[in-house]
Amino acid sequence: MKRYGQIIKVIPEKLEEYKRLHANPLKGVNEMIKECNIRNYSIYNFGEYLFAYFEYIGTDYEADMAKMAADENTRKWWALTDPCQISLGYAGCKWIDMQELYHLD
């Protein structure tokens, strides 16, 4: 299992919409996340920032992420959530992976 922490900005005027969307995700989105070997997935908000944490239990992260990106329901979901976000990275990269500095089980 590998732990991931990711960060992105939320457009302040879109924060309430983002919260509303995540209170009731589109059908199939949560199932695809699980099918792509992601577990213990959480998104936190602090000011204009969103922080995601998840655990990946698969063996081919890139293939699982490609599978997720090819899923029709996921693409519809991203079409709703992406306009609420501002990447902190380069063009074409949404959530930015953060470096884990400390962990205690």
PDB file of N, CA and C in Angstrom:
ATOM      1  N   MET A   1       0.843  -1.177   0.000  1.00  0.00           N
ATOM      2  CA  MET A   1       0.000   0.000   0.000  1.00  0.00           C
ATOM      3  C   MET A   1       0.888   1.240   0.000  1.00  0.00           C
ATOM      4  N   LYS A   2       0.506   2.221  -0.793  1.00  0.00           N
ATOM      5  CA  LYS A   2       1.223   3.495  -0.824  1.00  0.00           C
ATOM      6  C   LYS A   2       0.253   4.612  -0.474  1.00  0.00           C
ATOM      7  N   ARG A   3       0.693   5.510   0.404  1.00  0.00           N
ATOM      8  CA  ARG A   3      -0.119   6.659   0.802  1.00  0.00           C
ATOM      9  C   ARG A   3       0.180   7.841  -0.127  1.00  0.00           C
ATOM     10  N   TYR A   4      -0.868   8.596  -0.445  1.00  0.00           N
ATOM     11  CA  TYR A   4      -0.731   9.795  -1.275  1.00  0.00           C
ATOM     12  C   TYR A   4      -1.353  10.977  -0.559  1.00  0.00           C
ATOM     13  N   GLY A   5      -0.694  12.111  -0.624  1.00  0.00           N
ATOM     14  CA  GLY A   5      -1.249  13.383  -0.208  1.00  0.00           C
ATOM     15  C   GLY A   5      -1.165  14.310  -1.402  1.00  0.00           C
ATOM     16  N   GLN A   6      -2.249  14.975  -1.719  1.00  0.00           N
ATOM     17  CA  GLN A   6      -2.289  15.860  -2.884  1.00  0.00           C
ATOM     18  C   GLN A   6      -2.914  17.194  -2.500  1.00  0.00           C
ATOM     19  N   ILE A   7      -2.594  18.223  -3.292  1.00  0.00           N
ATOM     20  CA  ILE A   7      -3.101  19.565  -3.008  1.00  0.00           C
ATOM     21  C   ILE A   7      -3.522  20.244  -4.307  1.00  0.00           C
ATOM     22  N   ILE A   8      -4.517  21.117  -4.178  1.00  0.00           N
ATOM     23  CA  ILE A   8      -5.008  21.945  -5.280  1.00  0.00           C
ATOM     24  C   ILE A   8      -5.705  23.141  -4.636  1.00  0.00           C
ATOM     25  N   LYS A   9      -5.903  24.202  -5.384  1.00  0.00           N
ATOM     26  CA  LYS A   9      -6.674  25.343  -4.872  1.00  0.00           C
ATOM     27  C   LYS A   9      -8.126  25.205  -5.316  1.00  0.00           C
ATOM     28  N   VAL A  10      -9.000  25.762  -4.510  1.00  0.00           N
ATOM     29  CA  VAL A  10     -10.407  25.838  -4.878  1.00  0.00           C
ATOM     30  C   VAL A  10     -10.717  27.309  -5.141  1.00  0.00           C
ATOM     31  N   ILE A  11     -11.510  27.572  -6.152  1.00  0.00           N
ATOM     32  CA  ILE A  11     -11.953  28.928  -6.426  1.00  0.00           C
ATOM     33  C   ILE A  11     -12.904  29.320  -5.291  1.00  0.00           C
ATOM     34  N   PRO A  12     -12.589  30.373  -4.551  1.00  0.00           N
ATOM     35  CA  PRO A  12     -13.393  30.702  -3.360  1.00  0.00           C
ATOM     36  C   PRO A  12     -14.896  30.767  -3.635  1.00  0.00           C
ATOM     37  N   GLU A  13     -15.278  31.340  -4.772  1.00  0.00           N
ATOM     38  CA  GLU A  13     -16.701  31.461  -5.099  1.00  0.00           C
ATOM     39  C   GLU A  13     -17.333  30.116  -5.437  1.00  0.00           C
ATOM     40  N   LYS A  14     -16.516  29.083  -5.670  1.00  0.00           N
ATOM     41  CA  LYS A  14     -17.014  27.760  -6.053  1.00  0.00           C
ATOM     42  C   LYS A  14     -16.945  26.750  -4.908  1.00  0.00           C
ATOM     43  N   LEU A  15     -16.465  27.179  -3.743  1.00  0.00           N
ATOM     44  CA  LEU A  15     -16.287  26.242  -2.634  1.00  0.00           C
ATOM     45  C   LEU A  15     -17.602  25.592  -2.222  1.00  0.00           C
ATOM     46  N   GLU A  16     -18.662  26.356  -2.095  1.00  0.00           N
ATOM     47  CA  GLU A  16     -19.949  25.780  -1.677  1.00  0.00           C
ATOM     48  C   GLU A  16     -20.469  24.791  -2.724  1.00  0.00           C
ATOM     49  N   GLU A  17     -20.276  25.098  -4.010  1.00  0.00           N
ATOM     50  CA  GLU A  17     -20.673  24.163  -5.062  1.00  0.00           C
ATOM     51  C   GLU A  17     -19.854  22.874  -4.963  1.00  0.00           C
ATOM     52  N   TYR A  18     -18.556  23.012  -4.719  1.00  0.00           N
ATOM     53  CA  TYR A  18     -17.670  21.855  -4.585  1.00  0.00           C
ATOM     54  C   TYR A  18     -18.118  20.974  -3.412  1.00  0.00           C
ATOM     55  N   LYS A  19     -18.468  21.593  -2.300  1.00  0.00           N
ATOM     56  CA  LYS A  19     -18.965  20.846  -1.146  1.00  0.00           C
ATOM     57  C   LYS A  19     -20.271  20.133  -1.482  1.00  0.00           C
ATOM     58  N   ARG A  20     -21.158  20.842  -2.162  1.00  0.00           N
ATOM     59  CA  ARG A  20     -22.449  20.260  -2.541  1.00  0.00           C
ATOM     60  C   ARG A  20     -22.250  19.053  -3.455  1.00  0.00           C
ATOM     61  N   LEU A  21     -21.363  19.182  -4.438  1.00  0.00           N
ATOM     62  CA  LEU A  21     -21.093  18.069  -5.352  1.00  0.00           C
ATOM     63  C   LEU A  21     -20.585  16.844  -4.593  1.00  0.00           C
ATOM     64  N   HIS A  22     -19.689  17.068  -3.653  1.00  0.00           N
ATOM     65  CA  HIS A  22     -19.106  15.938  -2.926  1.00  0.00           C
ATOM     66  C   HIS A  22     -20.043  15.359  -1.872  1.00  0.00           C
ATOM     67  N   ALA A  23     -21.074  16.081  -1.515  1.00  0.00           N
ATOM     68  CA  ALA A  23     -22.072  15.535  -0.596  1.00  0.00           C
ATOM     69  C   ALA A  23     -22.922  14.475  -1.284  1.00  0.00           C
ATOM     70  N   ASN A  24     -22.930  14.489  -2.624  1.00  0.00           N
ATOM     71  CA  ASN A  24     -23.725  13.533  -3.391  1.00  0.00           C
ATOM     72  C   ASN A  24     -23.053  13.292  -4.749  1.00  0.00           C
ATOM     73  N   PRO A  25     -21.962  12.528  -4.776  1.00  0.00           N
ATOM     74  CA  PRO A  25     -21.243  12.296  -6.038  1.00  0.00           C
ATOM     75  C   PRO A  25     -22.115  11.607  -7.085  1.00  0.00           C
ATOM     76  N   LEU A  26     -21.772  11.812  -8.347  1.00  0.00           N
ATOM     77  CA  LEU A  26     -22.482  11.142  -9.431  1.00  0.00           C
ATOM     78  C   LEU A  26     -22.414   9.632  -9.257  1.00  0.00           C
ATOM     79  N   LYS A  27     -23.464   8.963  -9.713  1.00  0.00           N
ATOM     80  CA  LYS A  27     -23.517   7.500  -9.641  1.00  0.00           C
ATOM     81  C   LYS A  27     -22.307   6.898 -10.351  1.00  0.00           C
ATOM     82  N   GLY A  28     -21.669   5.956  -9.697  1.00  0.00           N
ATOM     83  CA  GLY A  28     -20.552   5.237 -10.295  1.00  0.00           C
ATOM     84  C   GLY A  28     -19.183   5.802  -9.982  1.00  0.00           C
ATOM     85  N   VAL A  29     -19.119   7.051  -9.519  1.00  0.00           N
ATOM     86  CA  VAL A  29     -17.822   7.688  -9.270  1.00  0.00           C
ATOM     87  C   VAL A  29     -17.099   6.995  -8.109  1.00  0.00           C
ATOM     88  N   ASN A  30     -17.771   6.827  -6.993  1.00  0.00           N
ATOM     89  CA  ASN A  30     -17.134   6.176  -5.841  1.00  0.00           C
ATOM     90  C   ASN A  30     -16.753   4.733  -6.160  1.00  0.00           C
ATOM     91  N   GLU A  31     -17.595   4.052  -6.926  1.00  0.00           N
ATOM     92  CA  GLU A  31     -17.309   2.672  -7.296  1.00  0.00           C
ATOM     93  C   GLU A  31     -16.057   2.578  -8.167  1.00  0.00           C
ATOM     94  N   MET A  32     -15.887   3.534  -9.098  1.00  0.00           N
ATOM     95  CA  MET A  32     -14.701   3.529  -9.957  1.00  0.00           C
ATOM     96  C   MET A  32     -13.443   3.814  -9.144  1.00  0.00           C
ATOM     97  N   ILE A  33     -13.539   4.713  -8.185  1.00  0.00           N
ATOM     98  CA  ILE A  33     -12.389   4.995  -7.318  1.00  0.00           C
ATOM     99  C   ILE A  33     -11.940   3.693  -6.638  1.00  0.00           C
ATOM    100  N   LYS A  34     -12.875   2.952  -6.107  1.00  0.00           N
ATOM    101  CA  LYS A  34     -12.547   1.688  -5.448  1.00  0.00           C
ATOM    102  C   LYS A  34     -12.026   0.651  -6.441  1.00  0.00           C
ATOM    103  N   GLU A  35     -12.654   0.610  -7.628  1.00  0.00           N
ATOM    104  CA  GLU A  35     -12.231  -0.344  -8.659  1.00  0.00           C
ATOM    105  C   GLU A  35     -10.788  -0.073  -9.108  1.00  0.00           C
ATOM    106  N   CYS A  36     -10.360   1.163  -8.969  1.00  0.00           N
ATOM    107  CA  CYS A  36      -8.992   1.545  -9.345  1.00  0.00           C
ATOM    108  C   CYS A  36      -8.035   1.459  -8.153  1.00  0.00           C
ATOM    109  N   ASN A  37      -8.419   0.683  -7.149  1.00  0.00           N
ATOM    110  CA  ASN A  37      -7.544   0.331  -6.019  1.00  0.00           C
ATOM    111  C   ASN A  37      -7.219   1.480  -5.081  1.00  0.00           C
ATOM    112  N   ILE A  38      -8.118   2.438  -4.973  1.00  0.00           N
ATOM    113  CA  ILE A  38      -7.952   3.532  -4.020  1.00  0.00           C
ATOM    114  C   ILE A  38      -8.856   3.275  -2.827  1.00  0.00           C
ATOM    115  N   ARG A  39      -8.276   3.414  -1.652  1.00  0.00           N
ATOM    116  CA  ARG A  39      -9.004   3.206  -0.404  1.00  0.00           C
ATOM    117  C   ARG A  39      -8.735   4.371   0.536  1.00  0.00           C
ATOM    118  N   ASN A  40      -9.570   4.506   1.549  1.00  0.00           N
ATOM    119  CA  ASN A  40      -9.364   5.501   2.606  1.00  0.00           C
ATOM    120  C   ASN A  40      -9.145   6.900   2.016  1.00  0.00           C
ATOM    121  N   TYR A  41     -10.031   7.275   1.101  1.00  0.00           N
ATOM    122  CA  TYR A  41      -9.900   8.534   0.357  1.00  0.00           C
ATOM    123  C   TYR A  41     -10.656   9.642   1.084  1.00  0.00           C
ATOM    124  N   SER A  42      -9.977  10.740   1.342  1.00  0.00           N
ATOM    125  CA  SER A  42     -10.582  11.898   2.005  1.00  0.00           C
ATOM    126  C   SER A  42     -10.127  13.170   1.316  1.00  0.00           C
ATOM    127  N   ILE A  43     -10.988  14.182   1.321  1.00  0.00           N
ATOM    128  CA  ILE A  43     -10.627  15.519   0.846  1.00  0.00           C
ATOM    129  C   ILE A  43     -10.929  16.487   1.983  1.00  0.00           C
ATOM    130  N   TYR A  44      -9.949  17.339   2.283  1.00  0.00           N
ATOM    131  CA  TYR A  44     -10.079  18.346   3.338  1.00  0.00           C
ATOM    132  C   TYR A  44      -9.996  19.729   2.713  1.00  0.00           C
ATOM    133  N   ASN A  45     -10.586  20.702   3.376  1.00  0.00           N
ATOM    134  CA  ASN A  45     -10.538  22.087   2.931  1.00  0.00           C
ATOM    135  C   ASN A  45      -9.911  22.954   4.008  1.00  0.00           C
ATOM    136  N   PHE A  46      -9.003  23.838   3.581  1.00  0.00           N
ATOM    137  CA  PHE A  46      -8.436  24.851   4.464  1.00  0.00           C
ATOM    138  C   PHE A  46      -8.298  26.124   3.643  1.00  0.00           C
ATOM    139  N   GLY A  47      -9.142  27.106   3.918  1.00  0.00           N
ATOM    140  CA  GLY A  47      -9.111  28.345   3.147  1.00  0.00           C
ATOM    141  C   GLY A  47      -9.353  28.072   1.672  1.00  0.00           C
ATOM    142  N   GLU A  48      -8.409  28.485   0.844  1.00  0.00           N
ATOM    143  CA  GLU A  48      -8.539  28.294  -0.596  1.00  0.00           C
ATOM    144  C   GLU A  48      -7.869  27.003  -1.086  1.00  0.00           C
ATOM    145  N   TYR A  49      -7.528  26.115  -0.167  1.00  0.00           N
ATOM    146  CA  TYR A  49      -6.817  24.893  -0.536  1.00  0.00           C
ATOM    147  C   TYR A  49      -7.635  23.652  -0.233  1.00  0.00           C
ATOM    148  N   LEU A  50      -7.487  22.661  -1.108  1.00  0.00           N
ATOM    149  CA  LEU A  50      -8.049  21.341  -0.901  1.00  0.00           C
ATOM    150  C   LEU A  50      -6.876  20.373  -0.756  1.00  0.00           C
ATOM    151  N   PHE A  51      -6.961  19.500   0.217  1.00  0.00           N
ATOM    152  CA  PHE A  51      -5.955  18.495   0.458  1.00  0.00           C
ATOM    153  C   PHE A  51      -6.620  17.131   0.370  1.00  0.00           C
ATOM    154  N   ALA A  52      -6.068  16.241  -0.440  1.00  0.00           N
ATOM    155  CA  ALA A  52      -6.607  14.890  -0.563  1.00  0.00           C
ATOM    156  C   ALA A  52      -5.620  13.891   0.019  1.00  0.00           C
ATOM    157  N   TYR A  53      -6.168  12.886   0.670  1.00  0.00           N
ATOM    158  CA  TYR A  53      -5.366  11.775   1.178  1.00  0.00           C
ATOM    159  C   TYR A  53      -6.026  10.484   0.709  1.00  0.00           C
ATOM    160  N   PHE A  54      -5.218   9.549   0.207  1.00  0.00           N
ATOM    161  CA  PHE A  54      -5.740   8.225  -0.115  1.00  0.00           C
ATOM    162  C   PHE A  54      -4.628   7.198  -0.062  1.00  0.00           C
ATOM    163  N   GLU A  55      -5.050   5.947  -0.019  1.00  0.00           N
ATOM    164  CA  GLU A  55      -4.123   4.830  -0.013  1.00  0.00           C
ATOM    165  C   GLU A  55      -4.355   4.015  -1.283  1.00  0.00           C
ATOM    166  N   TYR A  56      -3.276   3.733  -1.984  1.00  0.00           N
ATOM    167  CA  TYR A  56      -3.340   2.948  -3.218  1.00  0.00           C
ATOM    168  C   TYR A  56      -2.878   1.529  -2.917  1.00  0.00           C
ATOM    169  N   ILE A  57      -3.750   0.553  -3.201  1.00  0.00           N
ATOM    170  CA  ILE A  57      -3.436  -0.835  -2.874  1.00  0.00           C
ATOM    171  C   ILE A  57      -3.140  -1.688  -4.108  1.00  0.00           C
ATOM    172  N   GLY A  58      -3.124  -1.099  -5.283  1.00  0.00           N
ATOM    173  CA  GLY A  58      -2.885  -1.852  -6.505  1.00  0.00           C
ATOM    174  C   GLY A  58      -1.406  -2.032  -6.795  1.00  0.00           C
ATOM    175  N   THR A  59      -1.130  -2.519  -8.006  1.00  0.00           N
ATOM    176  CA  THR A  59       0.254  -2.769  -8.423  1.00  0.00           C
ATOM    177  C   THR A  59       0.679  -1.931  -9.618  1.00  0.00           C
ATOM    178  N   ASP A  60      -0.281  -1.237 -10.268  1.00  0.00           N
ATOM    179  CA  ASP A  60       0.045  -0.425 -11.440  1.00  0.00           C
ATOM    180  C   ASP A  60      -0.761   0.879 -11.380  1.00  0.00           C
ATOM    181  N   TYR A  61      -0.219   1.851 -10.656  1.00  0.00           N
ATOM    182  CA  TYR A  61      -0.906   3.113 -10.410  1.00  0.00           C
ATOM    183  C   TYR A  61      -1.258   3.827 -11.717  1.00  0.00           C
ATOM    184  N   GLU A  62      -0.301   3.891 -12.634  1.00  0.00           N
ATOM    185  CA  GLU A  62      -0.541   4.596 -13.904  1.00  0.00           C
ATOM    186  C   GLU A  62      -1.685   3.956 -14.684  1.00  0.00           C
ATOM    187  N   ALA A  63      -1.725   2.620 -14.732  1.00  0.00           N
ATOM    188  CA  ALA A  63      -2.801   1.929 -15.454  1.00  0.00           C
ATOM    189  C   ALA A  63      -4.147   2.166 -14.776  1.00  0.00           C
ATOM    190  N   ASP A  64      -4.162   2.132 -13.453  1.00  0.00           N
ATOM    191  CA  ASP A  64      -5.417   2.381 -12.748  1.00  0.00           C
ATOM    192  C   ASP A  64      -5.894   3.816 -12.944  1.00  0.00           C
ATOM    193  N   MET A  65      -4.984   4.775 -12.958  1.00  0.00           N
ATOM    194  CA  MET A  65      -5.386   6.162 -13.189  1.00  0.00           C
ATOM    195  C   MET A  65      -5.867   6.370 -14.627  1.00  0.00           C
ATOM    196  N   ALA A  66      -5.261   5.664 -15.581  1.00  0.00           N
ATOM    197  CA  ALA A  66      -5.722   5.729 -16.969  1.00  0.00           C
ATOM    198  C   ALA A  66      -7.120   5.119 -17.094  1.00  0.00           C
ATOM    199  N   LYS A  67      -7.349   4.026 -16.379  1.00  0.00           N
ATOM    200  CA  LYS A  67      -8.680   3.396 -16.368  1.00  0.00           C
ATOM    201  C   LYS A  67      -9.716   4.370 -15.820  1.00  0.00           C
ATOM    202  N   MET A  68      -9.372   5.052 -14.742  1.00  0.00           N
ATOM    203  CA  MET A  68     -10.293   6.017 -14.155  1.00  0.00           C
ATOM    204  C   MET A  68     -10.563   7.166 -15.130  1.00  0.00           C
ATOM    205  N   ALA A  69      -9.521   7.664 -15.767  1.00  0.00           N
ATOM    206  CA  ALA A  69      -9.666   8.787 -16.700  1.00  0.00           C
ATOM    207  C   ALA A  69     -10.484   8.408 -17.932  1.00  0.00           C
ATOM    208  N   ALA A  70     -10.528   7.126 -18.267  1.00  0.00           N
ATOM    209  CA  ALA A  70     -11.295   6.670 -19.430  1.00  0.00           C
ATOM    210  C   ALA A  70     -12.761   6.411 -19.098  1.00  0.00           C
ATOM    211  N   ASP A  71     -13.099   6.389 -17.824  1.00  0.00           N
ATOM    212  CA  ASP A  71     -14.458   6.093 -17.394  1.00  0.00           C
ATOM    213  C   ASP A  71     -15.393   7.267 -17.678  1.00  0.00           C
ATOM    214  N   GLU A  72     -16.509   6.980 -18.321  1.00  0.00           N
ATOM    215  CA  GLU A  72     -17.459   8.033 -18.717  1.00  0.00           C
ATOM    216  C   GLU A  72     -18.028   8.794 -17.515  1.00  0.00           C
ATOM    217  N   ASN A  73     -18.408   8.074 -16.460  1.00  0.00           N
ATOM    218  CA  ASN A  73     -18.955   8.750 -15.282  1.00  0.00           C
ATOM    219  C   ASN A  73     -17.916   9.640 -14.614  1.00  0.00           C
ATOM    220  N   THR A  74     -16.677   9.171 -14.568  1.00  0.00           N
ATOM    221  CA  THR A  74     -15.609   9.970 -13.976  1.00  0.00           C
ATOM    222  C   THR A  74     -15.364  11.229 -14.798  1.00  0.00           C
ATOM    223  N   ARG A  75     -15.383  11.109 -16.113  1.00  0.00           N
ATOM    224  CA  ARG A  75     -15.185  12.297 -16.964  1.00  0.00           C
ATOM    225  C   ARG A  75     -16.313  13.308 -16.763  1.00  0.00           C
ATOM    226  N   LYS A  76     -17.542  12.828 -16.599  1.00  0.00           N
ATOM    227  CA  LYS A  76     -18.669  13.728 -16.316  1.00  0.00           C
ATOM    228  C   LYS A  76     -18.468  14.406 -14.959  1.00  0.00           C
ATOM    229  N   TRP A  77     -17.992  13.635 -13.978  1.00  0.00           N
ATOM    230  CA  TRP A  77     -17.738  14.169 -12.641  1.00  0.00           C
ATOM    231  C   TRP A  77     -16.676  15.252 -12.695  1.00  0.00           C
ATOM    232  N   TRP A  78     -15.583  14.976 -13.383  1.00  0.00           N
ATOM    233  CA  TRP A  78     -14.507  15.960 -13.508  1.00  0.00           C
ATOM    234  C   TRP A  78     -14.982  17.216 -14.236  1.00  0.00           C
ATOM    235  N   ALA A  79     -15.913  17.063 -15.186  1.00  0.00           N
ATOM    236  CA  ALA A  79     -16.451  18.237 -15.884  1.00  0.00           C
ATOM    237  C   ALA A  79     -17.211  19.140 -14.916  1.00  0.00           C
ATOM    238  N   LEU A  80     -17.738  18.567 -13.847  1.00  0.00           N
ATOM    239  CA  LEU A  80     -18.430  19.353 -12.826  1.00  0.00           C
ATOM    240  C   LEU A  80     -17.458  19.936 -11.790  1.00  0.00           C
ATOM    241  N   THR A  81     -16.468  19.137 -11.382  1.00  0.00           N
ATOM    242  CA  THR A  81     -15.571  19.563 -10.299  1.00  0.00           C
ATOM    243  C   THR A  81     -14.383  20.394 -10.779  1.00  0.00           C
ATOM    244  N   ASP A  82     -13.871  20.115 -11.964  1.00  0.00           N
ATOM    245  CA  ASP A  82     -12.688  20.842 -12.455  1.00  0.00           C
ATOM    246  C   ASP A  82     -12.883  22.362 -12.496  1.00  0.00           C
ATOM    247  N   PRO A  83     -14.046  22.880 -12.892  1.00  0.00           N
ATOM    248  CA  PRO A  83     -14.220  24.334 -12.912  1.00  0.00           C
ATOM    249  C   PRO A  83     -14.179  24.982 -11.520  1.00  0.00           C
ATOM    250  N   CYS A  84     -14.191  24.167 -10.480  1.00  0.00           N
ATOM    251  CA  CYS A  84     -14.112  24.678  -9.108  1.00  0.00           C
ATOM    252  C   CYS A  84     -12.663  24.776  -8.621  1.00  0.00           C
ATOM    253  N   GLN A  85     -11.733  24.254  -9.406  1.00  0.00           N
ATOM    254  CA  GLN A  85     -10.361  24.094  -8.947  1.00  0.00           C
ATOM    255  C   GLN A  85      -9.363  24.913  -9.763  1.00  0.00           C
ATOM    256  N   ILE A  86      -8.240  25.240  -9.118  1.00  0.00           N
ATOM    257  CA  ILE A  86      -7.095  25.888  -9.776  1.00  0.00           C
ATOM    258  C   ILE A  86      -5.863  25.063  -9.417  1.00  0.00           C
ATOM    259  N   SER A  87      -5.220  24.499 -10.415  1.00  0.00           N
ATOM    260  CA  SER A  87      -4.029  23.693 -10.156  1.00  0.00           C
ATOM    261  C   SER A  87      -2.878  24.566  -9.686  1.00  0.00           C
ATOM    262  N   LEU A  88      -2.070  24.023  -8.818  1.00  0.00           N
ATOM    263  CA  LEU A  88      -0.852  24.700  -8.368  1.00  0.00           C
ATOM    264  C   LEU A  88       0.343  24.291  -9.214  1.00  0.00           C
ATOM    265  N   GLY A  89       0.115  23.420 -10.170  1.00  0.00           N
ATOM    266  CA  GLY A  89       1.205  22.884 -10.989  1.00  0.00           C
ATOM    267  C   GLY A  89       1.188  23.409 -12.395  1.00  0.00           C
ATOM    268  N   TYR A  90       1.722  22.625 -13.270  1.00  0.00           N
ATOM    269  CA  TYR A  90       1.839  22.976 -14.676  1.00  0.00           C
ATOM    270  C   TYR A  90       0.567  22.611 -15.428  1.00  0.00           C
ATOM    271  N   ALA A  91       0.454  23.110 -16.634  1.00  0.00           N
ATOM    272  CA  ALA A  91      -0.742  22.887 -17.447  1.00  0.00           C
ATOM    273  C   ALA A  91      -0.998  21.388 -17.624  1.00  0.00           C
ATOM    274  N   GLY A  92      -2.248  20.998 -17.518  1.00  0.00           N
ATOM    275  CA  GLY A  92      -2.623  19.615 -17.702  1.00  0.00           C
ATOM    276  C   GLY A  92      -2.515  18.773 -16.439  1.00  0.00           C
ATOM    277  N   CYS A  93      -1.958  19.310 -15.382  1.00  0.00           N
ATOM    278  CA  CYS A  93      -1.822  18.584 -14.128  1.00  0.00           C
ATOM    279  C   CYS A  93      -2.776  19.201 -13.123  1.00  0.00           C
ATOM    280  N   LYS A  94      -3.664  18.389 -12.588  1.00  0.00           N
ATOM    281  CA  LYS A  94      -4.637  18.916 -11.639  1.00  0.00           C
ATOM    282  C   LYS A  94      -4.067  18.861 -10.224  1.00  0.00           C
ATOM    283  N   TRP A  95      -4.384  17.835  -9.510  1.00  0.00           N
ATOM    284  CA  TRP A  95      -3.897  17.675  -8.138  1.00  0.00           C
ATOM    285  C   TRP A  95      -2.394  17.429  -8.157  1.00  0.00           C
ATOM    286  N   ILE A  96      -1.671  18.070  -7.264  1.00  0.00           N
ATOM    287  CA  ILE A  96      -0.216  17.924  -7.174  1.00  0.00           C
ATOM    288  C   ILE A  96       0.109  16.996  -6.003  1.00  0.00           C
ATOM    289  N   ASP A  97       0.931  15.975  -6.282  1.00  0.00           N
ATOM    290  CA  ASP A  97       1.373  15.072  -5.218  1.00  0.00           C
ATOM    291  C   ASP A  97       2.295  15.815  -4.269  1.00  0.00           C
ATOM    292  N   MET A  98       2.103  15.569  -2.980  1.00  0.00           N
ATOM    293  CA  MET A  98       2.958  16.150  -1.958  1.00  0.00           C
ATOM    294  C   MET A  98       3.902  15.068  -1.425  1.00  0.00           C
ATOM    295  N   GLN A  99       5.024  15.473  -0.903  1.00  0.00           N
ATOM    296  CA  GLN A  99       5.986  14.542  -0.337  1.00  0.00           C
ATOM    297  C   GLN A  99       5.617  14.226   1.108  1.00  0.00           C
ATOM    298  N   GLU A 100       5.554  12.949   1.424  1.00  0.00           N
ATOM    299  CA  GLU A 100       5.293  12.549   2.807  1.00  0.00           C
ATOM    300  C   GLU A 100       6.572  12.728   3.614  1.00  0.00           C
ATOM    301  N   LEU A 101       6.478  13.486   4.688  1.00  0.00           N
ATOM    302  CA  LEU A 101       7.639  13.746   5.531  1.00  0.00           C
ATOM    303  C   LEU A 101       7.638  12.919   6.802  1.00  0.00           C
ATOM    304  N   TYR A 102       6.473  12.501   7.234  1.00  0.00           N
ATOM    305  CA  TYR A 102       6.394  11.777   8.500  1.00  0.00           C
ATOM    306  C   TYR A 102       5.127  10.931   8.497  1.00  0.00           C
ATOM    307  N   HIS A 103       5.228   9.732   9.061  1.00  0.00           N
ATOM    308  CA  HIS A 103       4.067   8.885   9.225  1.00  0.00           C
ATOM    309  C   HIS A 103       4.242   8.023  10.464  1.00  0.00           C
ATOM    310  N   LEU A 104       3.185   7.860  11.211  1.00  0.00           N
ATOM    311  CA  LEU A 104       3.173   6.998  12.388  1.00  0.00           C
ATOM    312  C   LEU A 104       1.918   6.149  12.357  1.00  0.00           C
ATOM    313  N   ASP A 105       2.071   4.847  12.382  1.00  0.00           N
ATOM    314  CA  ASP A 105       0.912   3.941  12.463  1.00  0.00           C
ATOM    315  C   ASP A 105       0.515   3.777  13.915  1.00  0.00           C
TER     316      ASP A 105
END
